[in-house]
Amino acid sequence: MKCLSAISALACVFLLAGCSSSPTASVVAPPSASVPSAAMRAWYQKSGEMDVNVLTMDITGLKSAGSSGGSVTSACFGIGDDVKAVQSHAPIPDADWETAWESALTAMHNGYQDCTGGLRGNNTSEITKGEAEIKSAAAALTAVTKEFGS
């Protein structure tokens, strides 16, 4: 579980360090801390932990890509593929948590679309908007890890 704490901390760092512009839509806040049900813990063990790890690595990759065109392109397209894969997994078996999770996935998908659209059109502001949308999901990833990973 120590690895999960490191991932949580990493996601927090990217959230706090990364957003220079605000995303177009805010991510729905996860519910307050509660005692996760057995079904919710099972979801986390089956796919949630892996999904959080993959998406956190995507945010890390985007952050480290900086302004390198090829790296940003690769990071943006990778995020699109990973979000689609995560969206195909079982939902969180709690309506409030699922709403927050889907909101974060939607923000990442919208960011992927803006990022790749900006890359195609050489539009720096659209790329920046996409990066901010993607990074806004970091708080939800951190909350999922804190809630289910302990």
N, C-alpha and C. Protein backbone atom coordinates (compact mmCIF):
# COMPACT_ATOMS: atom_id res chain seq x y z
N MET A 1 0.80 -1.20 0.00
CA MET A 1 0.00 0.00 0.00
C MET A 1 0.85 1.27 0.00
N LYS A 2 2.14 1.15 0.34
CA LYS A 2 3.00 2.33 0.33
C LYS A 2 3.11 2.90 -1.08
N CYS A 3 3.08 2.05 -2.08
CA CYS A 3 3.12 2.50 -3.47
C CYS A 3 1.91 3.38 -3.77
N LEU A 4 0.76 3.01 -3.24
CA LEU A 4 -0.44 3.81 -3.47
C LEU A 4 -0.30 5.19 -2.85
N SER A 5 0.33 5.29 -1.68
CA SER A 5 0.53 6.59 -1.06
C SER A 5 1.42 7.46 -1.93
N ALA A 6 2.43 6.86 -2.53
CA ALA A 6 3.31 7.61 -3.42
C ALA A 6 2.55 8.10 -4.65
N ILE A 7 1.68 7.26 -5.17
CA ILE A 7 0.88 7.66 -6.33
C ILE A 7 -0.05 8.80 -5.95
N SER A 8 -0.66 8.72 -4.77
CA SER A 8 -1.54 9.79 -4.31
C SER A 8 -0.77 11.10 -4.22
N ALA A 9 0.41 11.03 -3.62
CA ALA A 9 1.21 12.24 -3.48
C ALA A 9 1.61 12.79 -4.84
N LEU A 10 1.98 11.91 -5.75
CA LEU A 10 2.36 12.32 -7.09
C LEU A 10 1.20 13.01 -7.80
N ALA A 11 0.02 12.43 -7.71
CA ALA A 11 -1.14 13.03 -8.36
C ALA A 11 -1.43 14.41 -7.77
N CYS A 12 -1.27 14.57 -6.46
CA CYS A 12 -1.46 15.88 -5.83
C CYS A 12 -0.46 16.90 -6.36
N VAL A 13 0.79 16.48 -6.50
CA VAL A 13 1.82 17.37 -7.01
C VAL A 13 1.45 17.88 -8.39
N PHE A 14 0.99 16.99 -9.27
CA PHE A 14 0.65 17.42 -10.62
C PHE A 14 -0.56 18.34 -10.63
N LEU A 15 -1.51 18.08 -9.76
CA LEU A 15 -2.68 18.93 -9.69
C LEU A 15 -2.28 20.33 -9.26
N LEU A 16 -1.45 20.42 -8.22
CA LEU A 16 -1.09 21.72 -7.69
C LEU A 16 -0.09 22.45 -8.58
N ALA A 17 0.76 21.71 -9.28
CA ALA A 17 1.82 22.35 -10.05
C ALA A 17 1.42 22.64 -11.49
N GLY A 18 0.40 21.98 -11.99
CA GLY A 18 0.23 21.99 -13.41
C GLY A 18 -0.71 22.95 -14.05
N CYS A 19 -1.74 23.40 -13.40
CA CYS A 19 -2.82 24.09 -14.12
C CYS A 19 -2.60 25.58 -14.17
N SER A 20 -2.19 26.05 -15.34
CA SER A 20 -2.01 27.49 -15.50
C SER A 20 -3.28 28.15 -16.01
N SER A 21 -4.14 27.39 -16.63
CA SER A 21 -5.43 27.92 -17.06
C SER A 21 -6.50 26.98 -16.56
N SER A 22 -7.70 27.50 -16.37
CA SER A 22 -8.75 26.65 -15.82
C SER A 22 -9.44 25.86 -16.92
N PRO A 23 -9.82 24.61 -16.61
CA PRO A 23 -10.51 23.81 -17.60
C PRO A 23 -11.89 24.37 -17.87
N THR A 24 -12.48 23.97 -18.99
CA THR A 24 -13.79 24.50 -19.36
C THR A 24 -14.89 23.94 -18.48
N ALA A 25 -14.75 22.76 -17.98
CA ALA A 25 -15.75 22.18 -17.10
C ALA A 25 -15.04 21.65 -15.86
N SER A 26 -15.66 21.86 -14.71
CA SER A 26 -15.00 21.38 -13.49
C SER A 26 -15.33 19.91 -13.27
N VAL A 27 -14.40 19.25 -12.62
CA VAL A 27 -14.56 17.84 -12.29
C VAL A 27 -15.44 17.75 -11.04
N VAL A 28 -16.40 16.85 -11.04
CA VAL A 28 -17.26 16.65 -9.89
C VAL A 28 -16.42 16.15 -8.73
N ALA A 29 -16.57 16.77 -7.57
CA ALA A 29 -15.80 16.37 -6.40
C ALA A 29 -16.25 15.01 -5.90
N PRO A 30 -15.29 14.17 -5.53
CA PRO A 30 -15.66 12.86 -4.95
C PRO A 30 -16.36 13.07 -3.62
N PRO A 31 -17.14 12.08 -3.19
CA PRO A 31 -17.81 12.19 -1.89
C PRO A 31 -16.80 12.28 -0.75
N SER A 32 -17.28 12.72 0.39
CA SER A 32 -16.43 12.76 1.59
C SER A 32 -15.99 11.34 1.93
N ALA A 33 -14.90 11.27 2.64
CA ALA A 33 -14.38 9.95 3.03
C ALA A 33 -15.44 9.14 3.77
N SER A 34 -15.50 7.90 3.45
CA SER A 34 -16.46 6.98 4.08
C SER A 34 -15.80 5.61 4.18
N VAL A 35 -16.51 4.68 4.73
CA VAL A 35 -15.99 3.32 4.79
C VAL A 35 -16.43 2.61 3.51
N PRO A 36 -15.47 2.26 2.66
CA PRO A 36 -15.83 1.61 1.39
C PRO A 36 -16.49 0.25 1.64
N SER A 37 -17.48 -0.04 0.85
CA SER A 37 -18.14 -1.35 0.94
C SER A 37 -17.22 -2.42 0.37
N ALA A 38 -17.56 -3.66 0.63
CA ALA A 38 -16.80 -4.78 0.07
C ALA A 38 -16.82 -4.73 -1.45
N ALA A 39 -17.94 -4.34 -2.02
CA ALA A 39 -18.05 -4.26 -3.49
C ALA A 39 -17.15 -3.17 -4.05
N MET A 40 -17.06 -2.06 -3.33
CA MET A 40 -16.19 -0.97 -3.78
C MET A 40 -14.72 -1.38 -3.70
N ARG A 41 -14.33 -2.06 -2.63
CA ARG A 41 -12.95 -2.54 -2.52
C ARG A 41 -12.63 -3.58 -3.60
N ALA A 42 -13.61 -4.43 -3.89
CA ALA A 42 -13.43 -5.44 -4.94
C ALA A 42 -13.22 -4.76 -6.29
N TRP A 43 -13.98 -3.70 -6.57
CA TRP A 43 -13.80 -2.95 -7.82
C TRP A 43 -12.38 -2.41 -7.89
N TYR A 44 -11.90 -1.85 -6.78
CA TYR A 44 -10.56 -1.27 -6.76
C TYR A 44 -9.51 -2.34 -7.01
N GLN A 45 -9.67 -3.49 -6.39
CA GLN A 45 -8.69 -4.56 -6.55
C GLN A 45 -8.74 -5.15 -7.95
N LYS A 46 -9.93 -5.22 -8.54
CA LYS A 46 -10.06 -5.84 -9.86
C LYS A 46 -9.54 -4.93 -10.98
N SER A 47 -9.93 -3.67 -10.98
CA SER A 47 -9.48 -2.79 -12.07
C SER A 47 -9.15 -1.37 -11.62
N GLY A 48 -9.72 -0.91 -10.54
CA GLY A 48 -9.54 0.48 -10.12
C GLY A 48 -8.11 0.88 -9.86
N GLU A 49 -7.39 0.06 -9.12
CA GLU A 49 -5.99 0.38 -8.81
C GLU A 49 -5.17 0.49 -10.09
N MET A 50 -5.34 -0.47 -10.98
CA MET A 50 -4.61 -0.44 -12.25
C MET A 50 -4.99 0.80 -13.06
N ASP A 51 -6.28 1.11 -13.09
CA ASP A 51 -6.75 2.27 -13.85
C ASP A 51 -6.15 3.56 -13.32
N VAL A 52 -6.16 3.72 -11.99
CA VAL A 52 -5.58 4.91 -11.38
C VAL A 52 -4.09 5.00 -11.70
N ASN A 53 -3.38 3.89 -11.62
CA ASN A 53 -1.95 3.89 -11.92
C ASN A 53 -1.68 4.30 -13.36
N VAL A 54 -2.43 3.74 -14.31
CA VAL A 54 -2.24 4.06 -15.73
C VAL A 54 -2.52 5.55 -15.98
N LEU A 55 -3.63 6.04 -15.45
CA LEU A 55 -3.98 7.44 -15.69
C LEU A 55 -3.01 8.40 -15.01
N THR A 56 -2.52 8.02 -13.83
CA THR A 56 -1.53 8.86 -13.15
C THR A 56 -0.24 8.90 -13.96
N MET A 57 0.16 7.77 -14.52
CA MET A 57 1.36 7.76 -15.37
C MET A 57 1.14 8.62 -16.61
N ASP A 58 -0.09 8.63 -17.14
CA ASP A 58 -0.38 9.49 -18.29
C ASP A 58 -0.20 10.97 -17.93
N ILE A 59 -0.70 11.35 -16.77
CA ILE A 59 -0.55 12.75 -16.33
C ILE A 59 0.93 13.06 -16.13
N THR A 60 1.67 12.13 -15.56
CA THR A 60 3.11 12.30 -15.37
C THR A 60 3.80 12.47 -16.73
N GLY A 61 3.42 11.65 -17.70
CA GLY A 61 4.02 11.74 -19.03
C GLY A 61 3.74 13.07 -19.70
N LEU A 62 2.52 13.55 -19.53
CA LEU A 62 2.16 14.83 -20.13
C LEU A 62 2.94 15.96 -19.46
N LYS A 63 3.05 15.89 -18.14
CA LYS A 63 3.79 16.92 -17.40
C LYS A 63 5.26 16.94 -17.81
N SER A 64 5.85 15.77 -17.96
CA SER A 64 7.27 15.72 -18.30
C SER A 64 7.53 15.98 -19.79
N ALA A 65 6.49 15.91 -20.61
CA ALA A 65 6.67 16.17 -22.05
C ALA A 65 7.03 17.62 -22.30
N GLY A 66 6.62 18.51 -21.40
CA GLY A 66 6.95 19.92 -21.55
C GLY A 66 6.46 20.47 -22.86
N SER A 67 7.34 21.12 -23.58
CA SER A 67 6.95 21.72 -24.85
C SER A 67 7.49 20.94 -26.05
N SER A 68 7.99 19.76 -25.80
CA SER A 68 8.52 18.94 -26.89
C SER A 68 7.37 18.39 -27.72
N GLY A 69 7.25 18.84 -28.95
CA GLY A 69 6.12 18.49 -29.81
C GLY A 69 5.84 17.01 -29.91
N GLY A 70 6.86 16.21 -30.20
CA GLY A 70 6.66 14.77 -30.35
C GLY A 70 6.23 14.11 -29.06
N SER A 71 6.82 14.54 -27.95
CA SER A 71 6.47 13.97 -26.65
C SER A 71 5.05 14.33 -26.25
N VAL A 72 4.65 15.57 -26.49
CA VAL A 72 3.29 16.00 -26.16
C VAL A 72 2.30 15.24 -27.02
N THR A 73 2.61 15.08 -28.29
CA THR A 73 1.72 14.32 -29.18
C THR A 73 1.55 12.90 -28.68
N SER A 74 2.63 12.26 -28.35
CA SER A 74 2.58 10.89 -27.86
C SER A 74 1.79 10.81 -26.55
N ALA A 75 2.04 11.75 -25.64
CA ALA A 75 1.34 11.76 -24.35
C ALA A 75 -0.15 11.97 -24.55
N CYS A 76 -0.53 12.89 -25.41
CA CYS A 76 -1.96 13.16 -25.65
C CYS A 76 -2.66 11.94 -26.24
N PHE A 77 -2.07 11.35 -27.25
CA PHE A 77 -2.71 10.18 -27.87
C PHE A 77 -2.76 9.00 -26.91
N GLY A 78 -1.74 8.84 -26.09
CA GLY A 78 -1.74 7.76 -25.10
C GLY A 78 -2.86 7.93 -24.10
N ILE A 79 -3.11 9.16 -23.69
CA ILE A 79 -4.20 9.44 -22.76
C ILE A 79 -5.54 9.05 -23.38
N GLY A 80 -5.74 9.39 -24.62
CA GLY A 80 -6.99 9.04 -25.29
C GLY A 80 -7.23 7.54 -25.30
N ASP A 81 -6.20 6.78 -25.62
CA ASP A 81 -6.33 5.31 -25.65
C ASP A 81 -6.61 4.76 -24.26
N ASP A 82 -5.89 5.28 -23.26
CA ASP A 82 -6.06 4.76 -21.90
C ASP A 82 -7.42 5.11 -21.32
N VAL A 83 -7.90 6.32 -21.56
CA VAL A 83 -9.22 6.70 -21.04
C VAL A 83 -10.30 5.82 -21.66
N LYS A 84 -10.21 5.56 -22.95
CA LYS A 84 -11.19 4.67 -23.59
C LYS A 84 -11.18 3.29 -22.95
N ALA A 85 -9.99 2.78 -22.67
CA ALA A 85 -9.88 1.45 -22.05
C ALA A 85 -10.49 1.47 -20.64
N VAL A 86 -10.17 2.49 -19.86
CA VAL A 86 -10.70 2.58 -18.49
C VAL A 86 -12.22 2.71 -18.50
N GLN A 87 -12.75 3.48 -19.45
CA GLN A 87 -14.20 3.65 -19.53
C GLN A 87 -14.92 2.35 -19.85
N SER A 88 -14.22 1.39 -20.40
CA SER A 88 -14.85 0.10 -20.73
C SER A 88 -14.87 -0.86 -19.53
N HIS A 89 -14.20 -0.49 -18.45
CA HIS A 89 -14.17 -1.34 -17.26
C HIS A 89 -15.44 -1.16 -16.44
N ALA A 90 -15.64 -2.05 -15.48
CA ALA A 90 -16.82 -2.00 -14.62
C ALA A 90 -16.87 -0.67 -13.86
N PRO A 91 -18.06 -0.13 -13.67
CA PRO A 91 -18.19 1.11 -12.91
C PRO A 91 -17.96 0.89 -11.41
N ILE A 92 -17.69 1.96 -10.70
CA ILE A 92 -17.59 1.89 -9.24
C ILE A 92 -19.00 1.58 -8.72
N PRO A 93 -19.14 0.61 -7.85
CA PRO A 93 -20.47 0.22 -7.38
C PRO A 93 -21.04 1.15 -6.30
N ASP A 94 -20.90 2.44 -6.50
CA ASP A 94 -21.46 3.47 -5.63
C ASP A 94 -21.75 4.66 -6.53
N ALA A 95 -23.00 5.10 -6.56
CA ALA A 95 -23.42 6.13 -7.52
C ALA A 95 -22.63 7.43 -7.38
N ASP A 96 -22.40 7.90 -6.15
CA ASP A 96 -21.69 9.17 -5.98
C ASP A 96 -20.23 9.07 -6.43
N TRP A 97 -19.58 7.97 -6.04
CA TRP A 97 -18.20 7.78 -6.48
C TRP A 97 -18.12 7.60 -7.99
N GLU A 98 -19.06 6.88 -8.56
CA GLU A 98 -19.06 6.67 -10.01
C GLU A 98 -19.24 7.99 -10.74
N THR A 99 -20.09 8.87 -10.23
CA THR A 99 -20.28 10.18 -10.85
C THR A 99 -18.97 10.97 -10.87
N ALA A 100 -18.26 10.98 -9.74
CA ALA A 100 -16.99 11.69 -9.67
C ALA A 100 -15.95 11.06 -10.60
N TRP A 101 -15.91 9.72 -10.63
CA TRP A 101 -14.96 8.99 -11.48
C TRP A 101 -15.23 9.29 -12.95
N GLU A 102 -16.48 9.20 -13.36
CA GLU A 102 -16.82 9.48 -14.76
C GLU A 102 -16.53 10.93 -15.13
N SER A 103 -16.74 11.82 -14.19
CA SER A 103 -16.43 13.23 -14.42
C SER A 103 -14.94 13.41 -14.70
N ALA A 104 -14.10 12.73 -13.91
CA ALA A 104 -12.65 12.81 -14.12
C ALA A 104 -12.27 12.20 -15.46
N LEU A 105 -12.86 11.07 -15.81
CA LEU A 105 -12.56 10.44 -17.09
C LEU A 105 -13.01 11.33 -18.25
N THR A 106 -14.15 11.98 -18.09
CA THR A 106 -14.64 12.90 -19.13
C THR A 106 -13.69 14.08 -19.29
N ALA A 107 -13.20 14.62 -18.17
CA ALA A 107 -12.24 15.73 -18.23
C ALA A 107 -10.98 15.30 -18.97
N MET A 108 -10.51 14.09 -18.67
CA MET A 108 -9.31 13.60 -19.37
C MET A 108 -9.59 13.39 -20.85
N HIS A 109 -10.76 12.88 -21.19
CA HIS A 109 -11.11 12.67 -22.61
C HIS A 109 -11.22 14.01 -23.33
N ASN A 110 -11.88 14.98 -22.70
CA ASN A 110 -12.00 16.31 -23.31
C ASN A 110 -10.63 16.94 -23.48
N GLY A 111 -9.78 16.75 -22.48
CA GLY A 111 -8.42 17.28 -22.57
C GLY A 111 -7.64 16.63 -23.70
N TYR A 112 -7.81 15.33 -23.86
CA TYR A 112 -7.17 14.61 -24.96
C TYR A 112 -7.63 15.21 -26.30
N GLN A 113 -8.93 15.44 -26.44
CA GLN A 113 -9.45 15.99 -27.70
C GLN A 113 -8.91 17.39 -27.95
N ASP A 114 -8.89 18.24 -26.92
CA ASP A 114 -8.36 19.59 -27.09
C ASP A 114 -6.86 19.57 -27.37
N CYS A 115 -6.15 18.72 -26.67
CA CYS A 115 -4.70 18.62 -26.85
C CYS A 115 -4.36 18.17 -28.27
N THR A 116 -4.99 17.11 -28.73
CA THR A 116 -4.67 16.62 -30.07
C THR A 116 -5.19 17.58 -31.15
N GLY A 117 -6.33 18.21 -30.90
CA GLY A 117 -6.83 19.21 -31.85
C GLY A 117 -5.88 20.39 -31.96
N GLY A 118 -5.35 20.82 -30.81
CA GLY A 118 -4.39 21.92 -30.80
C GLY A 118 -3.09 21.54 -31.49
N LEU A 119 -2.68 20.29 -31.32
CA LEU A 119 -1.47 19.83 -32.00
C LEU A 119 -1.66 19.81 -33.51
N ARG A 120 -2.82 19.34 -33.94
CA ARG A 120 -3.09 19.28 -35.39
C ARG A 120 -3.16 20.67 -36.00
N GLY A 121 -3.76 21.62 -35.24
CA GLY A 121 -3.91 22.97 -35.76
C GLY A 121 -2.83 23.93 -35.32
N ASN A 122 -1.80 23.39 -34.64
CA ASN A 122 -0.72 24.22 -34.13
C ASN A 122 -1.26 25.38 -33.29
N ASN A 123 -2.21 25.06 -32.40
CA ASN A 123 -2.87 26.05 -31.56
C ASN A 123 -2.43 25.84 -30.11
N THR A 124 -1.47 26.65 -29.68
CA THR A 124 -0.89 26.51 -28.35
C THR A 124 -1.92 26.67 -27.24
N SER A 125 -2.85 27.61 -27.38
CA SER A 125 -3.84 27.82 -26.32
C SER A 125 -4.77 26.61 -26.17
N GLU A 126 -5.08 25.95 -27.27
CA GLU A 126 -5.92 24.76 -27.20
C GLU A 126 -5.16 23.59 -26.54
N ILE A 127 -3.88 23.49 -26.83
CA ILE A 127 -3.05 22.46 -26.18
C ILE A 127 -3.00 22.72 -24.68
N THR A 128 -2.78 23.96 -24.28
CA THR A 128 -2.73 24.33 -22.87
C THR A 128 -4.06 24.03 -22.19
N LYS A 129 -5.15 24.34 -22.86
CA LYS A 129 -6.48 24.05 -22.31
C LYS A 129 -6.64 22.54 -22.10
N GLY A 130 -6.21 21.75 -23.08
CA GLY A 130 -6.30 20.30 -22.97
C GLY A 130 -5.48 19.77 -21.82
N GLU A 131 -4.27 20.30 -21.66
CA GLU A 131 -3.41 19.87 -20.54
C GLU A 131 -4.07 20.18 -19.20
N ALA A 132 -4.67 21.35 -19.08
CA ALA A 132 -5.34 21.74 -17.83
C ALA A 132 -6.53 20.82 -17.54
N GLU A 133 -7.28 20.47 -18.56
CA GLU A 133 -8.41 19.57 -18.37
C GLU A 133 -7.94 18.20 -17.88
N ILE A 134 -6.88 17.72 -18.48
CA ILE A 134 -6.35 16.41 -18.08
C ILE A 134 -5.85 16.46 -16.64
N LYS A 135 -5.12 17.48 -16.30
CA LYS A 135 -4.56 17.59 -14.96
C LYS A 135 -5.63 17.81 -13.90
N SER A 136 -6.78 18.37 -14.28
CA SER A 136 -7.85 18.57 -13.30
C SER A 136 -8.39 17.25 -12.77
N ALA A 137 -8.17 16.18 -13.50
CA ALA A 137 -8.63 14.86 -13.06
C ALA A 137 -7.75 14.27 -11.97
N ALA A 138 -6.59 14.84 -11.75
CA ALA A 138 -5.66 14.30 -10.75
C ALA A 138 -6.27 14.25 -9.36
N ALA A 139 -7.09 15.24 -9.01
CA ALA A 139 -7.71 15.23 -7.68
C ALA A 139 -8.62 14.02 -7.51
N ALA A 140 -9.36 13.67 -8.53
CA ALA A 140 -10.24 12.51 -8.45
C ALA A 140 -9.43 11.23 -8.35
N LEU A 141 -8.33 11.14 -9.06
CA LEU A 141 -7.47 9.96 -8.97
C LEU A 141 -6.92 9.83 -7.55
N THR A 142 -6.51 10.95 -6.98
CA THR A 142 -5.99 10.94 -5.62
C THR A 142 -7.06 10.50 -4.64
N ALA A 143 -8.27 11.01 -4.80
CA ALA A 143 -9.36 10.66 -3.89
C ALA A 143 -9.70 9.17 -3.97
N VAL A 144 -9.71 8.61 -5.19
CA VAL A 144 -10.00 7.19 -5.35
C VAL A 144 -8.93 6.36 -4.64
N THR A 145 -7.68 6.74 -4.80
CA THR A 145 -6.59 6.01 -4.16
C THR A 145 -6.70 6.08 -2.64
N LYS A 146 -6.98 7.26 -2.12
CA LYS A 146 -7.11 7.42 -0.68
C LYS A 146 -8.29 6.61 -0.15
N GLU A 147 -9.38 6.62 -0.87
CA GLU A 147 -10.60 5.96 -0.40
C GLU A 147 -10.48 4.45 -0.43
N PHE A 148 -10.00 3.92 -1.52
CA PHE A 148 -10.05 2.46 -1.72
C PHE A 148 -8.73 1.77 -1.47
N GLY A 149 -7.64 2.51 -1.49
CA GLY A 149 -6.33 1.89 -1.43
C GLY A 149 -5.82 1.58 -0.04
N SER A 150 -6.51 2.00 0.98
CA SER A 150 -5.97 1.75 2.32
C SER A 150 -6.56 0.51 2.95
